[in-house]
C-alpha cells in the first residue's frame, strides 16, 4: 500500500484534485501477490482546463517519474476537467482484463 499512498499524495499535492481515485490493479495481472505495479488513476482537476489530453498525461507522468522509473510497471490514466467529469456523470471506464504473461497461456 506504500506505492499507492505515494501516488495519491503526489497527485493531491500537485493537482489539487476535485476527485481522485488510485486503484491498485496488480491483482489483475501476472505478478506476485500483494504487488504494487499496476495502477488505474482517475484524476479530476481544474488545472487541466484548456489542456489537451497529451499535455495532461505528460504532466502526470512527470509528477510520477520516480514511481514510473521504479516500482510502477503500468499506469492507466483517466484525466478530466470538472466539466468533462460531470458530463461522464462521475464514471471512468473499466479496465480490461489482462492477457499478458501466463494469463495469455491459460
PDB file of N, CA and C in Angstrom:
ATOM      1  N   UNK A   1       0.818  -1.199   0.000  1.00  0.00           N
ATOM      2  CA  UNK A   1       0.000   0.000   0.000  1.00  0.00           C
ATOM      3  C   UNK A   1       0.860   1.261   0.000  1.00  0.00           C
ATOM      4  N   UNK A   2       2.147   1.121   0.119  1.00  0.00           N
ATOM      5  CA  UNK A   2       3.036   2.281   0.182  1.00  0.00           C
ATOM      6  C   UNK A   2       3.079   3.022  -1.151  1.00  0.00           C
ATOM      7  N   UNK A   3       3.224   2.317  -2.264  1.00  0.00           N
ATOM      8  CA  UNK A   3       3.305   2.957  -3.577  1.00  0.00           C
ATOM      9  C   UNK A   3       1.991   3.664  -3.887  1.00  0.00           C
ATOM     10  N   UNK A   4       0.889   3.026  -3.626  1.00  0.00           N
ATOM     11  CA  UNK A   4      -0.415   3.640  -3.860  1.00  0.00           C
ATOM     12  C   UNK A   4      -0.552   4.934  -3.069  1.00  0.00           C
ATOM     13  N   UNK A   5      -0.143   4.929  -1.818  1.00  0.00           N
ATOM     14  CA  UNK A   5      -0.230   6.129  -0.987  1.00  0.00           C
ATOM     15  C   UNK A   5       0.694   7.231  -1.512  1.00  0.00           C
ATOM     16  N   UNK A   6       1.872   6.862  -1.999  1.00  0.00           N
ATOM     17  CA  UNK A   6       2.787   7.846  -2.585  1.00  0.00           C
ATOM     18  C   UNK A   6       2.134   8.510  -3.798  1.00  0.00           C
ATOM     19  N   UNK A   7       1.540   7.700  -4.664  1.00  0.00           N
ATOM     20  CA  UNK A   7       0.878   8.225  -5.860  1.00  0.00           C
ATOM     21  C   UNK A   7      -0.246   9.181  -5.461  1.00  0.00           C
ATOM     22  N   UNK A   8      -1.068   8.772  -4.509  1.00  0.00           N
ATOM     23  CA  UNK A   8      -2.173   9.617  -4.055  1.00  0.00           C
ATOM     24  C   UNK A   8      -1.659  10.945  -3.507  1.00  0.00           C
ATOM     25  N   UNK A   9      -0.607  10.895  -2.709  1.00  0.00           N
ATOM     26  CA  UNK A   9      -0.069  12.111  -2.094  1.00  0.00           C
ATOM     27  C   UNK A   9       0.517  13.059  -3.138  1.00  0.00           C
ATOM     28  N   UNK A  10       1.289  12.518  -4.065  1.00  0.00           N
ATOM     29  CA  UNK A  10       1.894  13.345  -5.116  1.00  0.00           C
ATOM     30  C   UNK A  10       0.822  13.999  -5.973  1.00  0.00           C
ATOM     31  N   UNK A  11      -0.169  13.236  -6.390  1.00  0.00           N
ATOM     32  CA  UNK A  11      -1.224  13.789  -7.235  1.00  0.00           C
ATOM     33  C   UNK A  11      -2.059  14.824  -6.488  1.00  0.00           C
ATOM     34  N   UNK A  12      -2.302  14.596  -5.225  1.00  0.00           N
ATOM     35  CA  UNK A  12      -3.037  15.562  -4.408  1.00  0.00           C
ATOM     36  C   UNK A  12      -2.248  16.860  -4.271  1.00  0.00           C
ATOM     37  N   UNK A  13      -0.966  16.743  -3.977  1.00  0.00           N
ATOM     38  CA  UNK A  13      -0.127  17.929  -3.803  1.00  0.00           C
ATOM     39  C   UNK A  13       0.013  18.731  -5.090  1.00  0.00           C
ATOM     40  N   UNK A  14       0.180  18.055  -6.207  1.00  0.00           N
ATOM     41  CA  UNK A  14       0.471  18.762  -7.456  1.00  0.00           C
ATOM     42  C   UNK A  14      -0.755  19.199  -8.246  1.00  0.00           C
ATOM     43  N   UNK A  15      -1.883  18.536  -8.058  1.00  0.00           N
ATOM     44  CA  UNK A  15      -3.040  18.837  -8.899  1.00  0.00           C
ATOM     45  C   UNK A  15      -4.275  19.317  -8.136  1.00  0.00           C
ATOM     46  N   UNK A  16      -4.247  19.324  -6.804  1.00  0.00           N
ATOM     47  CA  UNK A  16      -5.390  19.735  -6.001  1.00  0.00           C
ATOM     48  C   UNK A  16      -6.689  19.210  -6.618  1.00  0.00           C
ATOM     49  N   UNK A  17      -6.836  17.909  -6.696  1.00  0.00           N
ATOM     50  CA  UNK A  17      -7.963  17.318  -7.434  1.00  0.00           C
ATOM     51  C   UNK A  17      -9.330  17.597  -6.824  1.00  0.00           C
ATOM     52  N   UNK A  18     -10.286  17.694  -7.738  1.00  0.00           N
ATOM     53  CA  UNK A  18     -11.694  17.745  -7.367  1.00  0.00           C
ATOM     54  C   UNK A  18     -12.130  16.324  -7.022  1.00  0.00           C
ATOM     55  N   UNK A  19     -11.567  15.366  -7.739  1.00  0.00           N
ATOM     56  CA  UNK A  19     -11.812  13.942  -7.476  1.00  0.00           C
ATOM     57  C   UNK A  19     -10.527  13.188  -7.797  1.00  0.00           C
ATOM     58  N   UNK A  20     -10.222  12.192  -6.994  1.00  0.00           N
ATOM     59  CA  UNK A  20      -9.042  11.370  -7.203  1.00  0.00           C
ATOM     60  C   UNK A  20      -9.334   9.953  -6.742  1.00  0.00           C
ATOM     61  N   UNK A  21      -9.016   9.010  -7.601  1.00  0.00           N
ATOM     62  CA  UNK A  21      -9.121   7.602  -7.245  1.00  0.00           C
ATOM     63  C   UNK A  21      -7.882   6.900  -7.801  1.00  0.00           C
ATOM     64  N   UNK A  22      -7.158   6.248  -6.920  1.00  0.00           N
ATOM     65  CA  UNK A  22      -5.990   5.459  -7.319  1.00  0.00           C
ATOM     66  C   UNK A  22      -6.293   4.020  -6.922  1.00  0.00           C
ATOM     67  N   UNK A  23      -6.357   3.150  -7.937  1.00  0.00           N
ATOM     68  CA  UNK A  23      -6.741   1.756  -7.705  1.00  0.00           C
ATOM     69  C   UNK A  23      -5.562   0.856  -8.058  1.00  0.00           C
ATOM     70  N   UNK A  24      -5.165   0.031  -7.116  1.00  0.00           N
ATOM     71  CA  UNK A  24      -4.119  -0.953  -7.379  1.00  0.00           C
ATOM     72  C   UNK A  24      -4.767  -2.121  -8.115  1.00  0.00           C
ATOM     73  N   UNK A  25      -4.429  -2.259  -9.401  1.00  0.00           N
ATOM     74  CA  UNK A  25      -4.990  -3.331 -10.217  1.00  0.00           C
ATOM     75  C   UNK A  25      -3.985  -4.452 -10.447  1.00  0.00           C
ATOM     76  N   UNK A  26      -2.952  -4.505  -9.633  1.00  0.00           N
ATOM     77  CA  UNK A  26      -1.910  -5.516  -9.804  1.00  0.00           C
ATOM     78  C   UNK A  26      -2.463  -6.925  -9.731  1.00  0.00           C
ATOM     79  N   UNK A  27      -3.469  -7.138  -8.894  1.00  0.00           N
ATOM     80  CA  UNK A  27      -4.050  -8.474  -8.742  1.00  0.00           C
ATOM     81  C   UNK A  27      -4.663  -9.002 -10.042  1.00  0.00           C
ATOM     82  N   UNK A  28      -4.911  -8.095 -11.002  1.00  0.00           N
ATOM     83  CA  UNK A  28      -5.500  -8.491 -12.278  1.00  0.00           C
ATOM     84  C   UNK A  28      -4.434  -8.940 -13.280  1.00  0.00           C
ATOM     85  N   UNK A  29      -3.185  -8.925 -12.868  1.00  0.00           N
ATOM     86  CA  UNK A  29      -2.072  -9.216 -13.769  1.00  0.00           C
ATOM     87  C   UNK A  29      -1.216 -10.356 -13.229  1.00  0.00           C
ATOM     88  N   UNK A  30      -0.298 -10.802 -14.051  1.00  0.00           N
ATOM     89  CA  UNK A  30       0.565 -11.921 -13.678  1.00  0.00           C
ATOM     90  C   UNK A  30       1.758 -11.421 -12.873  1.00  0.00           C
ATOM     91  N   UNK A  31       1.477 -11.058 -11.638  1.00  0.00           N
ATOM     92  CA  UNK A  31       2.507 -10.570 -10.722  1.00  0.00           C
ATOM     93  C   UNK A  31       2.327 -11.272  -9.378  1.00  0.00           C
ATOM     94  N   UNK A  32       3.350 -11.245  -8.531  1.00  0.00           N
ATOM     95  CA  UNK A  32       3.204 -11.872  -7.214  1.00  0.00           C
ATOM     96  C   UNK A  32       2.094 -11.213  -6.377  1.00  0.00           C
ATOM     97  N   UNK A  33       1.559 -11.965  -5.462  1.00  0.00           N
ATOM     98  CA  UNK A  33       0.522 -11.440  -4.568  1.00  0.00           C
ATOM     99  C   UNK A  33       1.030 -10.203  -3.838  1.00  0.00           C
ATOM    100  N   UNK A  34       0.138  -9.280  -3.565  1.00  0.00           N
ATOM    101  CA  UNK A  34       0.424  -8.039  -2.844  1.00  0.00           C
ATOM    102  C   UNK A  34       1.366  -7.087  -3.582  1.00  0.00           C
ATOM    103  N   UNK A  35       1.472  -7.236  -4.894  1.00  0.00           N
ATOM    104  CA  UNK A  35       2.311  -6.339  -5.687  1.00  0.00           C
ATOM    105  C   UNK A  35       1.655  -4.968  -5.811  1.00  0.00           C
ATOM    106  N   UNK A  36       2.486  -3.976  -6.069  1.00  0.00           N
ATOM    107  CA  UNK A  36       2.022  -2.622  -6.358  1.00  0.00           C
ATOM    108  C   UNK A  36       2.724  -2.178  -7.635  1.00  0.00           C
ATOM    109  N   UNK A  37       2.263  -2.733  -8.747  1.00  0.00           N
ATOM    110  CA  UNK A  37       2.920  -2.497 -10.030  1.00  0.00           C
ATOM    111  C   UNK A  37       1.995  -1.937 -11.096  1.00  0.00           C
ATOM    112  N   UNK A  38       0.709  -2.172 -10.976  1.00  0.00           N
ATOM    113  CA  UNK A  38      -0.270  -1.765 -11.984  1.00  0.00           C
ATOM    114  C   UNK A  38      -1.358  -0.914 -11.308  1.00  0.00           C
ATOM    115  N   UNK A  39      -1.534   0.306 -11.801  1.00  0.00           N
ATOM    116  CA  UNK A  39      -2.498   1.212 -11.181  1.00  0.00           C
ATOM    117  C   UNK A  39      -3.410   1.861 -12.197  1.00  0.00           C
ATOM    118  N   UNK A  40      -4.609   2.130 -11.753  1.00  0.00           N
ATOM    119  CA  UNK A  40      -5.575   2.943 -12.511  1.00  0.00           C
ATOM    120  C   UNK A  40      -5.739   4.236 -11.722  1.00  0.00           C
ATOM    121  N   UNK A  41      -5.602   5.366 -12.432  1.00  0.00           N
ATOM    122  CA  UNK A  41      -5.749   6.671 -11.802  1.00  0.00           C
ATOM    123  C   UNK A  41      -6.882   7.428 -12.483  1.00  0.00           C
ATOM    124  N   UNK A  42      -7.829   7.865 -11.675  1.00  0.00           N
ATOM    125  CA  UNK A  42      -8.878   8.765 -12.138  1.00  0.00           C
ATOM    126  C   UNK A  42      -8.596  10.093 -11.435  1.00  0.00           C
ATOM    127  N   UNK A  43      -8.320  11.117 -12.229  1.00  0.00           N
ATOM    128  CA  UNK A  43      -7.896  12.410 -11.685  1.00  0.00           C
ATOM    129  C   UNK A  43      -8.712  13.520 -12.345  1.00  0.00           C
ATOM    130  N   UNK A  44      -9.393  14.309 -11.519  1.00  0.00           N
ATOM    131  CA  UNK A  44     -10.202  15.423 -12.000  1.00  0.00           C
ATOM    132  C   UNK A  44      -9.637  16.691 -11.369  1.00  0.00           C
ATOM    133  N   UNK A  45      -9.223  17.637 -12.222  1.00  0.00           N
ATOM    134  CA  UNK A  45      -8.598  18.850 -11.707  1.00  0.00           C
ATOM    135  C   UNK A  45      -8.924  20.049 -12.591  1.00  0.00           C
ATOM    136  N   UNK A  46      -9.134  21.182 -11.959  1.00  0.00           N
ATOM    137  CA  UNK A  46      -9.340  22.437 -12.668  1.00  0.00           C
ATOM    138  C   UNK A  46      -8.083  22.781 -13.470  1.00  0.00           C
ATOM    139  N   UNK A  47      -6.931  22.331 -12.992  1.00  0.00           N
ATOM    140  CA  UNK A  47      -5.664  22.607 -13.664  1.00  0.00           C
ATOM    141  C   UNK A  47      -5.569  22.035 -15.071  1.00  0.00           C
ATOM    142  N   UNK A  48      -6.474  21.156 -15.441  1.00  0.00           N
ATOM    143  CA  UNK A  48      -6.452  20.569 -16.785  1.00  0.00           C
ATOM    144  C   UNK A  48      -7.278  21.378 -17.790  1.00  0.00           C
ATOM    145  N   UNK A  49      -7.951  22.414 -17.309  1.00  0.00           N
ATOM    146  CA  UNK A  49      -8.755  23.248 -18.208  1.00  0.00           C
ATOM    147  C   UNK A  49      -7.875  23.806 -19.323  1.00  0.00           C
ATOM    148  N   UNK A  50      -8.337  23.704 -20.555  1.00  0.00           N
ATOM    149  CA  UNK A  50      -7.623  24.264 -21.693  1.00  0.00           C
ATOM    150  C   UNK A  50      -6.417  23.471 -22.149  1.00  0.00           C
ATOM    151  N   UNK A  51      -6.164  22.313 -21.555  1.00  0.00           N
ATOM    152  CA  UNK A  51      -5.017  21.486 -21.940  1.00  0.00           C
ATOM    153  C   UNK A  51      -5.494  20.252 -22.695  1.00  0.00           C
ATOM    154  N   UNK A  52      -4.731  19.905 -23.720  1.00  0.00           N
ATOM    155  CA  UNK A  52      -5.046  18.703 -24.483  1.00  0.00           C
ATOM    156  C   UNK A  52      -4.702  17.472 -23.657  1.00  0.00           C
ATOM    157  N   UNK A  53      -5.291  16.333 -24.046  1.00  0.00           N
ATOM    158  CA  UNK A  53      -5.075  15.088 -23.299  1.00  0.00           C
ATOM    159  C   UNK A  53      -3.603  14.718 -23.195  1.00  0.00           C
ATOM    160  N   UNK A  54      -2.855  14.903 -24.264  1.00  0.00           N
ATOM    161  CA  UNK A  54      -1.437  14.550 -24.246  1.00  0.00           C
ATOM    162  C   UNK A  54      -0.692  15.380 -23.202  1.00  0.00           C
ATOM    163  N   UNK A  55      -0.979  16.665 -23.144  1.00  0.00           N
ATOM    164  CA  UNK A  55      -0.327  17.537 -22.165  1.00  0.00           C
ATOM    165  C   UNK A  55      -0.696  17.136 -20.740  1.00  0.00           C
ATOM    166  N   UNK A  56      -1.935  16.746 -20.539  1.00  0.00           N
ATOM    167  CA  UNK A  56      -2.370  16.300 -19.209  1.00  0.00           C
ATOM    168  C   UNK A  56      -1.594  15.051 -18.787  1.00  0.00           C
ATOM    169  N   UNK A  57      -1.507  14.102 -19.707  1.00  0.00           N
ATOM    170  CA  UNK A  57      -0.788  12.865 -19.409  1.00  0.00           C
ATOM    171  C   UNK A  57       0.677  13.156 -19.125  1.00  0.00           C
ATOM    172  N   UNK A  58       1.280  14.040 -19.896  1.00  0.00           N
ATOM    173  CA  UNK A  58       2.678  14.387 -19.670  1.00  0.00           C
ATOM    174  C   UNK A  58       2.875  14.989 -18.288  1.00  0.00           C
ATOM    175  N   UNK A  59       1.938  15.809 -17.839  1.00  0.00           N
ATOM    176  CA  UNK A  59       2.022  16.383 -16.502  1.00  0.00           C
ATOM    177  C   UNK A  59       2.017  15.298 -15.430  1.00  0.00           C
ATOM    178  N   UNK A  60       1.116  14.343 -15.587  1.00  0.00           N
ATOM    179  CA  UNK A  60       1.015  13.273 -14.588  1.00  0.00           C
ATOM    180  C   UNK A  60       2.244  12.372 -14.643  1.00  0.00           C
ATOM    181  N   UNK A  61       2.690  12.020 -15.844  1.00  0.00           N
ATOM    182  CA  UNK A  61       3.907  11.209 -15.967  1.00  0.00           C
ATOM    183  C   UNK A  61       5.089  11.922 -15.330  1.00  0.00           C
ATOM    184  N   UNK A  62       5.189  13.225 -15.525  1.00  0.00           N
ATOM    185  CA  UNK A  62       6.276  13.993 -14.917  1.00  0.00           C
ATOM    186  C   UNK A  62       6.204  13.977 -13.406  1.00  0.00           C
ATOM    187  N   UNK A  63       5.003  14.134 -12.865  1.00  0.00           N
ATOM    188  CA  UNK A  63       4.815  14.129 -11.415  1.00  0.00           C
ATOM    189  C   UNK A  63       5.168  12.778 -10.806  1.00  0.00           C
ATOM    190  N   UNK A  64       4.923  11.698 -11.554  1.00  0.00           N
ATOM    191  CA  UNK A  64       5.139  10.338 -11.039  1.00  0.00           C
ATOM    192  C   UNK A  64       6.394   9.680 -11.642  1.00  0.00           C
ATOM    193  N   UNK A  65       7.326  10.490 -12.106  1.00  0.00           N
ATOM    194  CA  UNK A  65       8.523   9.964 -12.780  1.00  0.00           C
ATOM    195  C   UNK A  65       9.285   8.957 -11.919  1.00  0.00           C
ATOM    196  N   UNK A  66       9.450   9.227 -10.645  1.00  0.00           N
ATOM    197  CA  UNK A  66      10.194   8.302  -9.774  1.00  0.00           C
ATOM    198  C   UNK A  66       9.480   6.965  -9.632  1.00  0.00           C
ATOM    199  N   UNK A  67       8.168   7.002  -9.496  1.00  0.00           N
ATOM    200  CA  UNK A  67       7.409   5.766  -9.356  1.00  0.00           C
ATOM    201  C   UNK A  67       7.438   4.976 -10.663  1.00  0.00           C
ATOM    202  N   UNK A  68       7.343   5.678 -11.795  1.00  0.00           N
ATOM    203  CA  UNK A  68       7.361   5.002 -13.091  1.00  0.00           C
ATOM    204  C   UNK A  68       8.741   4.434 -13.418  1.00  0.00           C
ATOM    205  N   UNK A  69       9.782   5.033 -12.868  1.00  0.00           N
ATOM    206  CA  UNK A  69      11.139   4.524 -13.075  1.00  0.00           C
ATOM    207  C   UNK A  69      11.441   3.359 -12.141  1.00  0.00           C
ATOM    208  N   UNK A  70      10.604   3.165 -11.143  1.00  0.00           N
ATOM    209  CA  UNK A  70      10.845   2.122 -10.154  1.00  0.00           C
ATOM    210  C   UNK A  70       9.760   1.070 -10.122  1.00  0.00           C
ATOM    211  N   UNK A  71       8.938   1.113  -9.097  1.00  0.00           N
ATOM    212  CA  UNK A  71       8.014   0.005  -8.864  1.00  0.00           C
ATOM    213  C   UNK A  71       6.817  -0.072  -9.807  1.00  0.00           C
ATOM    214  N   UNK A  72       6.409   1.035 -10.424  1.00  0.00           N
ATOM    215  CA  UNK A  72       5.191   1.027 -11.232  1.00  0.00           C
ATOM    216  C   UNK A  72       5.495   0.585 -12.658  1.00  0.00           C
ATOM    217  N   UNK A  73       4.840  -0.484 -13.073  1.00  0.00           N
ATOM    218  CA  UNK A  73       5.021  -1.049 -14.414  1.00  0.00           C
ATOM    219  C   UNK A  73       3.990  -0.490 -15.390  1.00  0.00           C
ATOM    220  N   UNK A  74       2.767  -0.270 -14.909  1.00  0.00           N
ATOM    221  CA  UNK A  74       1.686   0.186 -15.785  1.00  0.00           C
ATOM    222  C   UNK A  74       0.808   1.186 -15.039  1.00  0.00           C
ATOM    223  N   UNK A  75       0.387   2.217 -15.786  1.00  0.00           N
ATOM    224  CA  UNK A  75      -0.430   3.272 -15.211  1.00  0.00           C
ATOM    225  C   UNK A  75      -1.522   3.631 -16.211  1.00  0.00           C
ATOM    226  N   UNK A  76      -2.759   3.300 -15.876  1.00  0.00           N
ATOM    227  CA  UNK A  76      -3.903   3.654 -16.721  1.00  0.00           C
ATOM    228  C   UNK A  76      -4.428   4.997 -16.229  1.00  0.00           C
ATOM    229  N   UNK A  77      -4.392   6.008 -17.100  1.00  0.00           N
ATOM    230  CA  UNK A  77      -4.794   7.352 -16.709  1.00  0.00           C
ATOM    231  C   UNK A  77      -6.135   7.727 -17.310  1.00  0.00           C
ATOM    232  N   UNK A  78      -7.008   8.223 -16.462  1.00  0.00           N
ATOM    233  CA  UNK A  78      -8.301   8.757 -16.861  1.00  0.00           C
ATOM    234  C   UNK A  78      -8.357  10.151 -16.248  1.00  0.00           C
ATOM    235  N   UNK A  79      -8.064  11.162 -17.079  1.00  0.00           N
ATOM    236  CA  UNK A  79      -7.830  12.517 -16.591  1.00  0.00           C
ATOM    237  C   UNK A  79      -8.883  13.453 -17.185  1.00  0.00           C
ATOM    238  N   UNK A  80      -9.546  14.215 -16.298  1.00  0.00           N
ATOM    239  CA  UNK A  80     -10.659  15.044 -16.727  1.00  0.00           C
ATOM    240  C   UNK A  80     -10.635  16.417 -16.071  1.00  0.00           C
ATOM    241  N   UNK A  81     -11.289  17.366 -16.740  1.00  0.00           N
ATOM    242  CA  UNK A  81     -11.628  18.632 -16.107  1.00  0.00           C
ATOM    243  C   UNK A  81     -12.924  18.398 -15.334  1.00  0.00           C
ATOM    244  N   UNK A  82     -13.281  19.278 -14.413  1.00  0.00           N
ATOM    245  CA  UNK A  82     -14.561  19.089 -13.710  1.00  0.00           C
ATOM    246  C   UNK A  82     -15.760  19.026 -14.668  1.00  0.00           C
ATOM    247  N   UNK A  83     -15.746  19.820 -15.723  1.00  0.00           N
ATOM    248  CA  UNK A  83     -16.847  19.784 -16.693  1.00  0.00           C
ATOM    249  C   UNK A  83     -16.944  18.458 -17.417  1.00  0.00           C
ATOM    250  N   UNK A  84     -15.791  17.939 -17.827  1.00  0.00           N
ATOM    251  CA  UNK A  84     -15.770  16.631 -18.508  1.00  0.00           C
ATOM    252  C   UNK A  84     -16.237  15.526 -17.566  1.00  0.00           C
ATOM    253  N   UNK A  85     -15.830  15.630 -16.314  1.00  0.00           N
ATOM    254  CA  UNK A  85     -16.216  14.630 -15.312  1.00  0.00           C
ATOM    255  C   UNK A  85     -17.726  14.662 -15.087  1.00  0.00           C
ATOM    256  N   UNK A  86     -18.285  15.855 -15.057  1.00  0.00           N
ATOM    257  CA  UNK A  86     -19.738  15.988 -14.890  1.00  0.00           C
ATOM    258  C   UNK A  86     -20.474  15.385 -16.089  1.00  0.00           C
ATOM    259  N   UNK A  87     -19.938  15.606 -17.301  1.00  0.00           N
ATOM    260  CA  UNK A  87     -20.549  15.022 -18.499  1.00  0.00           C
ATOM    261  C   UNK A  87     -20.523  13.497 -18.451  1.00  0.00           C
ATOM    262  N   UNK A  88     -19.497  12.943 -17.842  1.00  0.00           N
ATOM    263  CA  UNK A  88     -19.377  11.487 -17.716  1.00  0.00           C
ATOM    264  C   UNK A  88     -20.199  10.967 -16.534  1.00  0.00           C
ATOM    265  N   UNK A  89     -20.811  11.872 -15.813  1.00  0.00           N
ATOM    266  CA  UNK A  89     -21.601  11.537 -14.628  1.00  0.00           C
ATOM    267  C   UNK A  89     -20.759  10.814 -13.584  1.00  0.00           C
ATOM    268  N   UNK A  90     -19.500  11.244 -13.475  1.00  0.00           N
ATOM    269  CA  UNK A  90     -18.622  10.713 -12.442  1.00  0.00           C
ATOM    270  C   UNK A  90     -18.224   9.257 -12.635  1.00  0.00           C
ATOM    271  N   UNK A  91     -18.116   8.824 -13.880  1.00  0.00           N
ATOM    272  CA  UNK A  91     -17.767   7.424 -14.141  1.00  0.00           C
ATOM    273  C   UNK A  91     -16.583   7.339 -15.095  1.00  0.00           C
ATOM    274  N   UNK A  92     -15.594   6.558 -14.710  1.00  0.00           N
ATOM    275  CA  UNK A  92     -14.438   6.296 -15.566  1.00  0.00           C
ATOM    276  C   UNK A  92     -14.598   4.918 -16.201  1.00  0.00           C
ATOM    277  N   UNK A  93     -13.951   4.694 -17.338  1.00  0.00           N
ATOM    278  CA  UNK A  93     -14.046   3.380 -17.987  1.00  0.00           C
ATOM    279  C   UNK A  93     -13.466   2.271 -17.107  1.00  0.00           C
ATOM    280  N   UNK A  94     -14.017   1.098 -17.245  1.00  0.00           N
ATOM    281  CA  UNK A  94     -13.485  -0.073 -16.544  1.00  0.00           C
ATOM    282  C   UNK A  94     -12.208  -0.523 -17.236  1.00  0.00           C
ATOM    283  N   UNK A  95     -11.323  -1.108 -16.474  1.00  0.00           N
ATOM    284  CA  UNK A  95     -10.075  -1.615 -17.038  1.00  0.00           C
ATOM    285  C   UNK A  95     -10.319  -2.971 -17.705  1.00  0.00           C
ATOM    286  N   UNK A  96      -9.634  -3.220 -18.826  1.00  0.00           N
ATOM    287  CA  UNK A  96      -9.790  -4.517 -19.495  1.00  0.00           C
ATOM    288  C   UNK A  96      -9.073  -5.615 -18.720  1.00  0.00           C
ATOM    289  N   UNK A  97      -9.440  -6.846 -19.004  1.00  0.00           N
ATOM    290  CA  UNK A  97      -8.748  -7.972 -18.411  1.00  0.00           C
ATOM    291  C   UNK A  97      -7.341  -8.070 -18.980  1.00  0.00           C
ATOM    292  N   UNK A  98      -6.418  -8.492 -18.171  1.00  0.00           N
ATOM    293  CA  UNK A  98      -5.029  -8.661 -18.595  1.00  0.00           C
ATOM    294  C   UNK A  98      -4.912  -9.942 -19.424  1.00  0.00           C
ATOM    295  N   UNK A  99      -4.192  -9.850 -20.523  1.00  0.00           N
ATOM    296  CA  UNK A  99      -3.930 -11.031 -21.358  1.00  0.00           C
ATOM    297  C   UNK A  99      -2.438 -11.296 -21.488  1.00  0.00           C
ATOM    298  N   UNK A 100      -1.649 -10.624 -20.682  1.00  0.00           N
ATOM    299  CA  UNK A 100      -0.194 -10.780 -20.756  1.00  0.00           C
ATOM    300  C   UNK A 100       0.301 -11.901 -19.881  1.00  0.00           C
ATOM    301  N   UNK A 101       1.556 -12.240 -20.062  1.00  0.00           N
ATOM    302  CA  UNK A 101       2.200 -13.253 -19.223  1.00  0.00           C
ATOM    303  C   UNK A 101       1.484 -14.574 -19.237  1.00  0.00           C
ATOM    304  N   UNK A 102       1.395 -15.209 -18.111  1.00  0.00           N
ATOM    305  CA  UNK A 102       0.803 -16.539 -18.027  1.00  0.00           C
ATOM    306  C   UNK A 102      -0.707 -16.526 -18.248  1.00  0.00           C
ATOM    307  N   UNK A 103      -1.357 -15.385 -18.118  1.00  0.00           N
ATOM    308  CA  UNK A 103      -2.805 -15.322 -18.332  1.00  0.00           C
ATOM    309  C   UNK A 103      -3.150 -15.572 -19.797  1.00  0.00           C
ATOM    310  N   UNK A 104      -2.258 -15.210 -20.721  1.00  0.00           N
ATOM    311  CA  UNK A 104      -2.496 -15.437 -22.145  1.00  0.00           C
ATOM    312  C   UNK A 104      -2.332 -16.918 -22.487  1.00  0.00           C
ATOM    313  N   UNK A 105      -1.597 -17.634 -21.671  1.00  0.00           N
ATOM    314  CA  UNK A 105      -1.343 -19.048 -21.918  1.00  0.00           C
ATOM    315  C   UNK A 105      -2.467 -19.938 -21.416  1.00  0.00           C
ATOM    316  N   UNK A 106      -3.287 -19.401 -20.537  1.00  0.00           N
ATOM    317  CA  UNK A 106      -4.339 -20.239 -19.914  1.00  0.00           C
ATOM    318  C   UNK A 106      -5.415 -20.626 -20.897  1.00  0.00           C
TER     319      UNK A 106
END
